[in-house]
N, C-alpha and C. Protein backbone atom coordinates (compact mmCIF):
# COMPACT_ATOMS: atom_id res chain seq x y z
N UNK A 1 10.74 -50.87 114.43
CA UNK A 1 10.74 -52.00 113.51
C UNK A 1 11.06 -53.27 114.29
N UNK A 2 10.28 -54.33 114.08
CA UNK A 2 10.54 -55.57 114.81
C UNK A 2 11.88 -56.18 114.43
N UNK A 3 12.44 -56.94 115.38
CA UNK A 3 13.73 -57.57 115.12
C UNK A 3 13.58 -58.68 114.08
N UNK A 4 14.62 -58.85 113.30
CA UNK A 4 14.59 -59.91 112.30
C UNK A 4 15.35 -61.12 112.83
N UNK A 5 14.88 -62.26 112.43
CA UNK A 5 15.52 -63.52 112.80
C UNK A 5 15.93 -64.22 111.52
N UNK A 6 17.07 -64.86 111.56
CA UNK A 6 17.51 -65.67 110.43
C UNK A 6 17.37 -67.13 110.82
N UNK A 7 16.55 -67.86 110.08
CA UNK A 7 16.34 -69.27 110.33
C UNK A 7 17.25 -70.06 109.41
N UNK A 8 17.94 -71.05 109.95
CA UNK A 8 18.86 -71.87 109.18
C UNK A 8 18.29 -73.29 109.12
N UNK A 9 18.07 -73.77 107.92
CA UNK A 9 17.58 -75.13 107.70
C UNK A 9 18.66 -75.95 107.02
N UNK A 10 18.84 -77.18 107.48
CA UNK A 10 19.76 -78.11 106.84
C UNK A 10 18.92 -79.03 105.96
N UNK A 11 19.18 -79.02 104.66
CA UNK A 11 18.37 -79.79 103.72
C UNK A 11 18.82 -81.24 103.59
N UNK A 12 19.82 -81.65 104.34
CA UNK A 12 20.34 -83.02 104.21
C UNK A 12 19.26 -84.03 104.60
N UNK A 13 18.88 -84.87 103.65
CA UNK A 13 17.88 -85.90 103.89
C UNK A 13 16.45 -85.40 103.93
N UNK A 14 16.23 -84.11 103.68
CA UNK A 14 14.87 -83.56 103.69
C UNK A 14 14.23 -83.75 102.32
N UNK A 15 12.94 -84.05 102.31
CA UNK A 15 12.21 -84.20 101.06
C UNK A 15 11.96 -82.80 100.49
N UNK A 16 12.28 -82.62 99.23
CA UNK A 16 12.30 -81.31 98.59
C UNK A 16 10.98 -80.55 98.75
N UNK A 17 9.87 -81.16 98.40
CA UNK A 17 8.59 -80.47 98.44
C UNK A 17 8.16 -80.09 99.84
N UNK A 18 8.40 -80.97 100.80
CA UNK A 18 8.03 -80.67 102.18
C UNK A 18 8.87 -79.53 102.75
N UNK A 19 10.16 -79.55 102.47
CA UNK A 19 11.04 -78.48 102.92
C UNK A 19 10.63 -77.16 102.28
N UNK A 20 10.40 -77.17 100.97
CA UNK A 20 10.03 -75.94 100.27
C UNK A 20 8.70 -75.39 100.77
N UNK A 21 7.76 -76.26 101.07
CA UNK A 21 6.46 -75.83 101.57
C UNK A 21 6.59 -75.17 102.94
N UNK A 22 7.38 -75.76 103.83
CA UNK A 22 7.57 -75.19 105.16
C UNK A 22 8.27 -73.84 105.08
N UNK A 23 9.27 -73.72 104.22
CA UNK A 23 10.01 -72.47 104.08
C UNK A 23 9.12 -71.40 103.45
N UNK A 24 8.35 -71.75 102.42
CA UNK A 24 7.45 -70.78 101.79
C UNK A 24 6.41 -70.28 102.77
N UNK A 25 5.88 -71.16 103.60
CA UNK A 25 4.90 -70.78 104.61
C UNK A 25 5.52 -69.80 105.61
N UNK A 26 6.73 -70.09 106.07
CA UNK A 26 7.41 -69.21 107.02
C UNK A 26 7.67 -67.83 106.40
N UNK A 27 8.13 -67.81 105.15
CA UNK A 27 8.42 -66.54 104.49
C UNK A 27 7.15 -65.73 104.24
N UNK A 28 6.07 -66.39 103.87
CA UNK A 28 4.81 -65.69 103.63
C UNK A 28 4.24 -65.10 104.91
N UNK A 29 4.29 -65.86 106.00
CA UNK A 29 3.78 -65.35 107.28
C UNK A 29 4.59 -64.15 107.74
N UNK A 30 5.91 -64.21 107.57
CA UNK A 30 6.76 -63.09 107.96
C UNK A 30 6.45 -61.86 107.12
N UNK A 31 6.26 -62.05 105.81
CA UNK A 31 5.95 -60.91 104.93
C UNK A 31 4.57 -60.33 105.26
N UNK A 32 3.62 -61.19 105.59
CA UNK A 32 2.28 -60.74 105.93
C UNK A 32 2.28 -59.92 107.21
N UNK A 33 3.13 -60.32 108.18
CA UNK A 33 3.20 -59.61 109.46
C UNK A 33 4.12 -58.40 109.41
N UNK A 34 4.75 -58.16 108.28
CA UNK A 34 5.63 -57.00 108.15
C UNK A 34 7.03 -57.23 108.70
N UNK A 35 7.39 -58.48 108.96
CA UNK A 35 8.74 -58.77 109.47
C UNK A 35 9.65 -59.10 108.29
N UNK A 36 10.92 -58.89 108.49
CA UNK A 36 11.91 -59.22 107.46
C UNK A 36 12.72 -60.45 107.88
N UNK A 37 12.03 -61.50 108.34
CA UNK A 37 12.73 -62.73 108.71
C UNK A 37 13.40 -63.32 107.48
N UNK A 38 14.59 -63.82 107.67
CA UNK A 38 15.35 -64.40 106.57
C UNK A 38 15.49 -65.90 106.79
N UNK A 39 15.62 -66.64 105.70
CA UNK A 39 15.79 -68.09 105.76
C UNK A 39 17.03 -68.45 104.94
N UNK A 40 17.89 -69.27 105.54
CA UNK A 40 19.06 -69.79 104.85
C UNK A 40 18.93 -71.31 104.83
N UNK A 41 19.02 -71.91 103.66
CA UNK A 41 18.99 -73.36 103.52
C UNK A 41 20.38 -73.80 103.11
N UNK A 42 20.99 -74.68 103.90
CA UNK A 42 22.33 -75.18 103.60
C UNK A 42 22.24 -76.63 103.13
N UNK A 43 23.29 -77.09 102.46
CA UNK A 43 23.37 -78.46 101.92
C UNK A 43 22.23 -78.75 100.95
N UNK A 44 21.99 -77.84 100.03
CA UNK A 44 20.90 -78.01 99.06
C UNK A 44 21.07 -79.25 98.21
N UNK A 45 22.32 -79.62 97.94
CA UNK A 45 22.57 -80.77 97.06
C UNK A 45 22.19 -82.09 97.71
N UNK A 46 21.92 -82.08 99.03
CA UNK A 46 21.59 -83.32 99.74
C UNK A 46 20.09 -83.47 99.99
N UNK A 47 19.28 -82.52 99.53
CA UNK A 47 17.83 -82.68 99.60
C UNK A 47 17.42 -83.78 98.63
N UNK A 48 16.32 -84.46 98.91
CA UNK A 48 15.94 -85.61 98.09
C UNK A 48 14.57 -85.39 97.44
N UNK A 49 14.41 -86.02 96.29
CA UNK A 49 13.14 -86.07 95.57
C UNK A 49 12.73 -87.53 95.55
N UNK A 50 11.50 -87.82 95.96
CA UNK A 50 11.05 -89.21 96.06
C UNK A 50 10.51 -89.68 94.72
N UNK A 51 10.63 -90.97 94.49
CA UNK A 51 10.14 -91.59 93.26
C UNK A 51 11.23 -92.41 92.61
N UNK A 52 10.88 -93.04 91.50
CA UNK A 52 11.88 -93.84 90.81
C UNK A 52 12.83 -92.91 90.06
N UNK A 53 14.11 -93.23 90.04
CA UNK A 53 15.09 -92.36 89.38
C UNK A 53 14.78 -92.10 87.90
N UNK A 54 14.23 -93.08 87.20
CA UNK A 54 13.94 -92.85 85.77
C UNK A 54 12.83 -91.82 85.59
N UNK A 55 11.78 -91.90 86.42
CA UNK A 55 10.68 -90.93 86.27
C UNK A 55 11.11 -89.54 86.74
N UNK A 56 11.94 -89.48 87.77
CA UNK A 56 12.43 -88.18 88.25
C UNK A 56 13.26 -87.51 87.16
N UNK A 57 14.20 -88.26 86.57
CA UNK A 57 15.05 -87.68 85.54
C UNK A 57 14.25 -87.32 84.29
N UNK A 58 13.25 -88.11 83.96
CA UNK A 58 12.41 -87.79 82.80
C UNK A 58 11.67 -86.47 83.03
N UNK A 59 11.17 -86.27 84.24
CA UNK A 59 10.47 -85.03 84.56
C UNK A 59 11.39 -83.83 84.47
N UNK A 60 12.57 -83.93 85.07
CA UNK A 60 13.50 -82.80 85.06
C UNK A 60 14.08 -82.55 83.67
N UNK A 61 14.30 -83.61 82.88
CA UNK A 61 14.77 -83.42 81.51
C UNK A 61 13.70 -82.71 80.67
N UNK A 62 12.43 -83.08 80.87
CA UNK A 62 11.35 -82.43 80.13
C UNK A 62 11.27 -80.95 80.48
N UNK A 63 11.42 -80.61 81.76
CA UNK A 63 11.42 -79.20 82.17
C UNK A 63 12.60 -78.47 81.57
N UNK A 64 13.77 -79.12 81.62
CA UNK A 64 14.98 -78.45 81.16
C UNK A 64 14.96 -78.23 79.66
N UNK A 65 14.29 -79.12 78.92
CA UNK A 65 14.20 -78.94 77.47
C UNK A 65 13.34 -77.74 77.09
N UNK A 66 12.49 -77.26 78.01
CA UNK A 66 11.67 -76.08 77.75
C UNK A 66 12.50 -74.81 77.72
N UNK A 67 13.72 -74.84 78.27
CA UNK A 67 14.56 -73.64 78.31
C UNK A 67 14.73 -73.07 76.91
N UNK A 68 14.57 -71.79 76.82
CA UNK A 68 14.84 -71.07 75.58
C UNK A 68 15.89 -70.02 75.91
N UNK A 69 16.82 -69.82 75.02
CA UNK A 69 17.95 -68.94 75.31
C UNK A 69 17.51 -67.51 75.62
N UNK A 70 16.45 -67.03 74.97
CA UNK A 70 16.06 -65.64 75.18
C UNK A 70 14.71 -65.47 75.83
N UNK A 71 13.78 -66.37 75.60
CA UNK A 71 12.41 -66.13 76.01
C UNK A 71 12.00 -66.77 77.33
N UNK A 72 12.60 -67.89 77.69
CA UNK A 72 12.19 -68.57 78.90
C UNK A 72 11.05 -69.53 78.59
N UNK A 73 10.48 -70.21 79.54
CA UNK A 73 10.80 -70.17 80.97
C UNK A 73 12.17 -70.78 81.25
N UNK A 74 12.82 -70.26 82.25
CA UNK A 74 14.16 -70.70 82.59
C UNK A 74 14.10 -71.68 83.76
N UNK A 75 14.57 -72.88 83.54
CA UNK A 75 14.64 -73.88 84.60
C UNK A 75 16.11 -74.14 84.93
N UNK A 76 16.47 -74.03 86.18
CA UNK A 76 17.88 -74.15 86.57
C UNK A 76 18.36 -75.60 86.58
N UNK A 77 19.70 -75.74 86.56
CA UNK A 77 20.33 -77.06 86.66
C UNK A 77 21.04 -77.24 87.99
N UNK A 78 21.48 -76.17 88.62
CA UNK A 78 22.22 -76.26 89.88
C UNK A 78 21.27 -76.60 91.03
N UNK A 79 21.72 -77.40 92.01
CA UNK A 79 20.82 -77.83 93.08
C UNK A 79 20.29 -76.68 93.93
N UNK A 80 21.11 -75.66 94.19
CA UNK A 80 20.62 -74.54 95.00
C UNK A 80 19.53 -73.76 94.27
N UNK A 81 19.68 -73.61 92.96
CA UNK A 81 18.68 -72.86 92.20
C UNK A 81 17.42 -73.69 91.95
N UNK A 82 17.55 -75.02 91.87
CA UNK A 82 16.35 -75.87 91.76
C UNK A 82 15.52 -75.73 93.02
N UNK A 83 16.18 -75.75 94.18
CA UNK A 83 15.46 -75.63 95.44
C UNK A 83 14.81 -74.25 95.55
N UNK A 84 15.53 -73.20 95.16
CA UNK A 84 14.97 -71.85 95.23
C UNK A 84 13.79 -71.71 94.28
N UNK A 85 13.88 -72.30 93.10
CA UNK A 85 12.78 -72.25 92.14
C UNK A 85 11.56 -73.02 92.67
N UNK A 86 11.80 -74.10 93.41
CA UNK A 86 10.70 -74.86 94.00
C UNK A 86 9.98 -74.02 95.05
N UNK A 87 10.73 -73.31 95.88
CA UNK A 87 10.11 -72.42 96.87
C UNK A 87 9.36 -71.31 96.16
N UNK A 88 9.94 -70.76 95.10
CA UNK A 88 9.29 -69.69 94.34
C UNK A 88 7.95 -70.13 93.80
N UNK A 89 7.85 -71.41 93.38
CA UNK A 89 6.59 -71.92 92.87
C UNK A 89 5.51 -72.00 93.93
N UNK A 90 5.88 -71.97 95.20
CA UNK A 90 4.92 -72.04 96.29
C UNK A 90 4.60 -70.67 96.88
N UNK A 91 5.17 -69.62 96.31
CA UNK A 91 4.89 -68.25 96.73
C UNK A 91 4.08 -67.55 95.65
N UNK A 92 3.29 -66.53 96.01
CA UNK A 92 2.57 -65.76 94.98
C UNK A 92 3.53 -64.81 94.27
N UNK A 93 4.53 -65.37 93.62
CA UNK A 93 5.64 -64.59 93.07
C UNK A 93 5.21 -63.67 91.93
N UNK A 94 4.35 -64.15 91.05
CA UNK A 94 3.99 -63.35 89.88
C UNK A 94 2.78 -62.47 90.12
N UNK A 95 2.00 -62.77 91.15
CA UNK A 95 0.77 -62.02 91.36
C UNK A 95 0.90 -60.91 92.39
N UNK A 96 1.77 -61.10 93.39
CA UNK A 96 1.84 -60.12 94.48
C UNK A 96 3.27 -59.72 94.75
N UNK A 97 3.44 -58.48 95.14
CA UNK A 97 4.78 -58.03 95.50
C UNK A 97 5.24 -58.66 96.81
N UNK A 98 4.29 -59.10 97.64
CA UNK A 98 4.69 -59.75 98.90
C UNK A 98 5.41 -61.06 98.63
N UNK A 99 5.03 -61.77 97.57
CA UNK A 99 5.71 -63.01 97.21
C UNK A 99 7.12 -62.75 96.73
N UNK A 100 7.30 -61.70 95.94
CA UNK A 100 8.65 -61.35 95.48
C UNK A 100 9.51 -60.88 96.64
N UNK A 101 8.90 -60.11 97.55
CA UNK A 101 9.64 -59.64 98.73
C UNK A 101 10.03 -60.81 99.62
N UNK A 102 9.13 -61.79 99.75
CA UNK A 102 9.43 -62.97 100.56
C UNK A 102 10.58 -63.77 99.96
N UNK A 103 10.61 -63.89 98.64
CA UNK A 103 11.68 -64.66 97.99
C UNK A 103 13.04 -63.99 98.16
N UNK A 104 13.05 -62.65 98.26
CA UNK A 104 14.31 -61.95 98.48
C UNK A 104 14.95 -62.30 99.82
N UNK A 105 14.13 -62.78 100.75
CA UNK A 105 14.63 -63.12 102.08
C UNK A 105 15.08 -64.57 102.18
N UNK A 106 15.17 -65.26 101.06
CA UNK A 106 15.61 -66.65 101.03
C UNK A 106 17.00 -66.74 100.40
N UNK A 107 17.88 -67.50 101.06
CA UNK A 107 19.20 -67.77 100.49
C UNK A 107 19.43 -69.27 100.57
N UNK A 108 19.84 -69.87 99.47
CA UNK A 108 20.08 -71.31 99.41
C UNK A 108 21.55 -71.52 99.09
N UNK A 109 22.20 -72.38 99.87
CA UNK A 109 23.64 -72.60 99.74
C UNK A 109 23.93 -74.04 99.34
N UNK A 110 24.95 -74.21 98.50
CA UNK A 110 25.50 -75.54 98.24
C UNK A 110 26.54 -75.78 99.32
N UNK A 111 26.43 -76.89 100.03
CA UNK A 111 27.33 -77.13 101.15
C UNK A 111 26.93 -76.27 102.34
N UNK A 112 27.82 -76.18 103.30
CA UNK A 112 27.56 -75.38 104.50
C UNK A 112 28.64 -74.31 104.62
N UNK A 113 28.28 -73.03 104.59
CA UNK A 113 29.29 -71.98 104.72
C UNK A 113 30.00 -72.07 106.06
N UNK A 114 31.23 -71.61 106.10
CA UNK A 114 32.05 -71.76 107.31
C UNK A 114 31.45 -71.02 108.50
N UNK A 115 30.79 -69.90 108.29
CA UNK A 115 30.25 -69.15 109.43
C UNK A 115 29.00 -69.81 110.02
N UNK A 116 28.42 -70.79 109.32
CA UNK A 116 27.25 -71.50 109.84
C UNK A 116 27.60 -72.89 110.36
N UNK A 117 28.88 -73.29 110.28
CA UNK A 117 29.31 -74.57 110.85
C UNK A 117 29.33 -74.46 112.37
N UNK A 118 28.98 -75.53 113.03
CA UNK A 118 29.02 -75.55 114.50
C UNK A 118 27.93 -74.68 115.09
N UNK A 119 28.32 -73.82 116.04
CA UNK A 119 27.34 -72.95 116.69
C UNK A 119 26.90 -71.85 115.73
N UNK A 120 25.61 -71.51 115.80
CA UNK A 120 25.08 -70.47 114.93
C UNK A 120 25.41 -69.10 115.50
N UNK A 121 25.68 -68.10 114.65
CA UNK A 121 25.97 -66.76 115.14
C UNK A 121 24.75 -66.11 115.79
N UNK A 122 24.95 -64.97 116.43
CA UNK A 122 23.83 -64.25 117.05
C UNK A 122 22.82 -63.85 115.99
N UNK A 123 21.55 -63.91 116.34
CA UNK A 123 20.49 -63.56 115.41
C UNK A 123 20.08 -64.69 114.49
N UNK A 124 20.74 -65.84 114.60
CA UNK A 124 20.41 -67.01 113.79
C UNK A 124 19.82 -68.08 114.70
N UNK A 125 18.82 -68.78 114.21
CA UNK A 125 18.28 -69.90 114.96
C UNK A 125 18.01 -71.05 113.99
N UNK A 126 18.10 -72.26 114.52
CA UNK A 126 17.85 -73.44 113.68
C UNK A 126 16.36 -73.53 113.37
N UNK A 127 16.03 -73.83 112.13
CA UNK A 127 14.64 -73.94 111.72
C UNK A 127 14.00 -75.20 112.29
N UNK A 128 12.68 -75.16 112.42
CA UNK A 128 11.93 -76.28 112.97
C UNK A 128 11.74 -77.35 111.89
N UNK A 129 12.39 -78.50 112.08
CA UNK A 129 12.33 -79.57 111.08
C UNK A 129 11.11 -80.48 111.26
N UNK A 130 10.32 -80.29 112.31
CA UNK A 130 9.21 -81.20 112.57
C UNK A 130 8.15 -81.13 111.48
N UNK A 131 8.07 -80.01 110.76
CA UNK A 131 7.05 -79.88 109.71
C UNK A 131 7.35 -80.77 108.51
N UNK A 132 8.61 -81.10 108.28
CA UNK A 132 8.94 -81.87 107.08
C UNK A 132 9.83 -83.07 107.36
N UNK A 133 10.10 -83.38 108.59
CA UNK A 133 10.95 -84.52 108.93
C UNK A 133 10.17 -85.82 108.73
N UNK A 134 10.59 -86.63 107.80
CA UNK A 134 9.96 -87.92 107.52
C UNK A 134 11.05 -88.93 107.24
N UNK A 135 10.78 -90.22 107.48
CA UNK A 135 11.77 -91.23 107.07
C UNK A 135 11.84 -91.30 105.55
N UNK A 136 13.03 -91.58 105.05
CA UNK A 136 13.21 -91.64 103.60
C UNK A 136 12.56 -92.89 103.02
N UNK A 137 11.92 -92.77 101.86
CA UNK A 137 11.33 -93.94 101.22
C UNK A 137 12.42 -94.80 100.57
N UNK A 138 11.99 -95.89 99.95
CA UNK A 138 12.94 -96.80 99.31
C UNK A 138 13.59 -96.18 98.08
N UNK A 139 12.81 -95.45 97.30
CA UNK A 139 13.33 -94.91 96.04
C UNK A 139 13.35 -93.39 96.11
N UNK A 140 14.53 -92.83 95.89
CA UNK A 140 14.67 -91.37 95.87
C UNK A 140 15.96 -91.01 95.17
N UNK A 141 16.10 -89.73 94.83
CA UNK A 141 17.33 -89.19 94.25
C UNK A 141 17.65 -87.88 94.95
N UNK A 142 18.92 -87.60 95.14
CA UNK A 142 19.30 -86.32 95.72
C UNK A 142 19.33 -85.26 94.63
N UNK A 143 19.21 -84.00 95.05
CA UNK A 143 19.26 -82.91 94.07
C UNK A 143 20.62 -82.84 93.39
N UNK A 144 21.67 -83.23 94.11
CA UNK A 144 23.00 -83.25 93.50
C UNK A 144 23.07 -84.24 92.34
N UNK A 145 22.47 -85.42 92.52
CA UNK A 145 22.45 -86.41 91.44
C UNK A 145 21.60 -85.94 90.26
N UNK A 146 20.48 -85.29 90.55
CA UNK A 146 19.63 -84.77 89.49
C UNK A 146 20.38 -83.71 88.69
N UNK A 147 21.05 -82.81 89.41
CA UNK A 147 21.80 -81.74 88.75
C UNK A 147 22.92 -82.29 87.89
N UNK A 148 23.62 -83.29 88.41
CA UNK A 148 24.70 -83.90 87.63
C UNK A 148 24.13 -84.57 86.38
N UNK A 149 22.95 -85.18 86.49
CA UNK A 149 22.31 -85.79 85.34
C UNK A 149 21.87 -84.77 84.30
N UNK A 150 21.60 -83.54 84.75
CA UNK A 150 21.22 -82.47 83.82
C UNK A 150 22.42 -81.77 83.21
N UNK A 151 23.62 -82.12 83.68
CA UNK A 151 24.82 -81.55 83.09
C UNK A 151 25.45 -80.44 83.90
N UNK A 152 25.03 -80.24 85.14
CA UNK A 152 25.63 -79.20 85.98
C UNK A 152 27.01 -79.66 86.44
N UNK A 153 27.92 -78.74 86.72
CA UNK A 153 29.27 -79.12 87.15
C UNK A 153 29.28 -79.68 88.57
N UNK A 154 29.27 -80.99 88.70
CA UNK A 154 29.14 -81.65 90.01
C UNK A 154 30.35 -81.44 90.91
N UNK A 155 31.48 -81.02 90.36
CA UNK A 155 32.66 -80.81 91.21
C UNK A 155 32.43 -79.66 92.19
N UNK A 156 31.43 -78.81 91.95
CA UNK A 156 31.17 -77.68 92.85
C UNK A 156 30.60 -78.11 94.19
N UNK A 157 30.00 -79.29 94.27
CA UNK A 157 29.48 -79.76 95.55
C UNK A 157 30.06 -81.11 95.93
N UNK A 158 31.12 -81.52 95.27
CA UNK A 158 31.79 -82.76 95.64
C UNK A 158 31.17 -83.99 95.03
N UNK A 159 30.32 -83.82 94.04
CA UNK A 159 29.71 -84.96 93.37
C UNK A 159 30.63 -85.52 92.30
N UNK A 160 30.20 -86.61 91.70
CA UNK A 160 30.99 -87.22 90.63
C UNK A 160 30.71 -86.51 89.32
N UNK A 161 31.75 -86.29 88.56
CA UNK A 161 31.62 -85.58 87.29
C UNK A 161 31.31 -86.53 86.17
């Protein structure tokens, strides 16, 4: 069995869609090749969504209002789950088992866990940011601000309540 690698991406200042696209592509290629490569995204609350804050919040409020207690579709409020749901939307999650298997190899963290601070442990490597590294536009919102606007408990990532 081939060796597995864990890629660690820091979402701080990364544009949400570009980061999710790069991660989904990496997970799909690994699943297609039969590897069990894992991806860890840290600082999910610091990823950004571009656009005017009013239109961003209107979009996320409209999605969140679709939530039904029993039937779904379920849209998350927490920044780590919003990012994971975004990656899920870029995988063939409902059509193929490879998409579901690829999503199992993704872990999204709020903040940075202590074991990933500083030097990375053995078997971990920093993800390639060149695929999604762009300068920030004039208007954007962080996932933490979006989550706080949706009513998520912002004290969990150090945001304002």
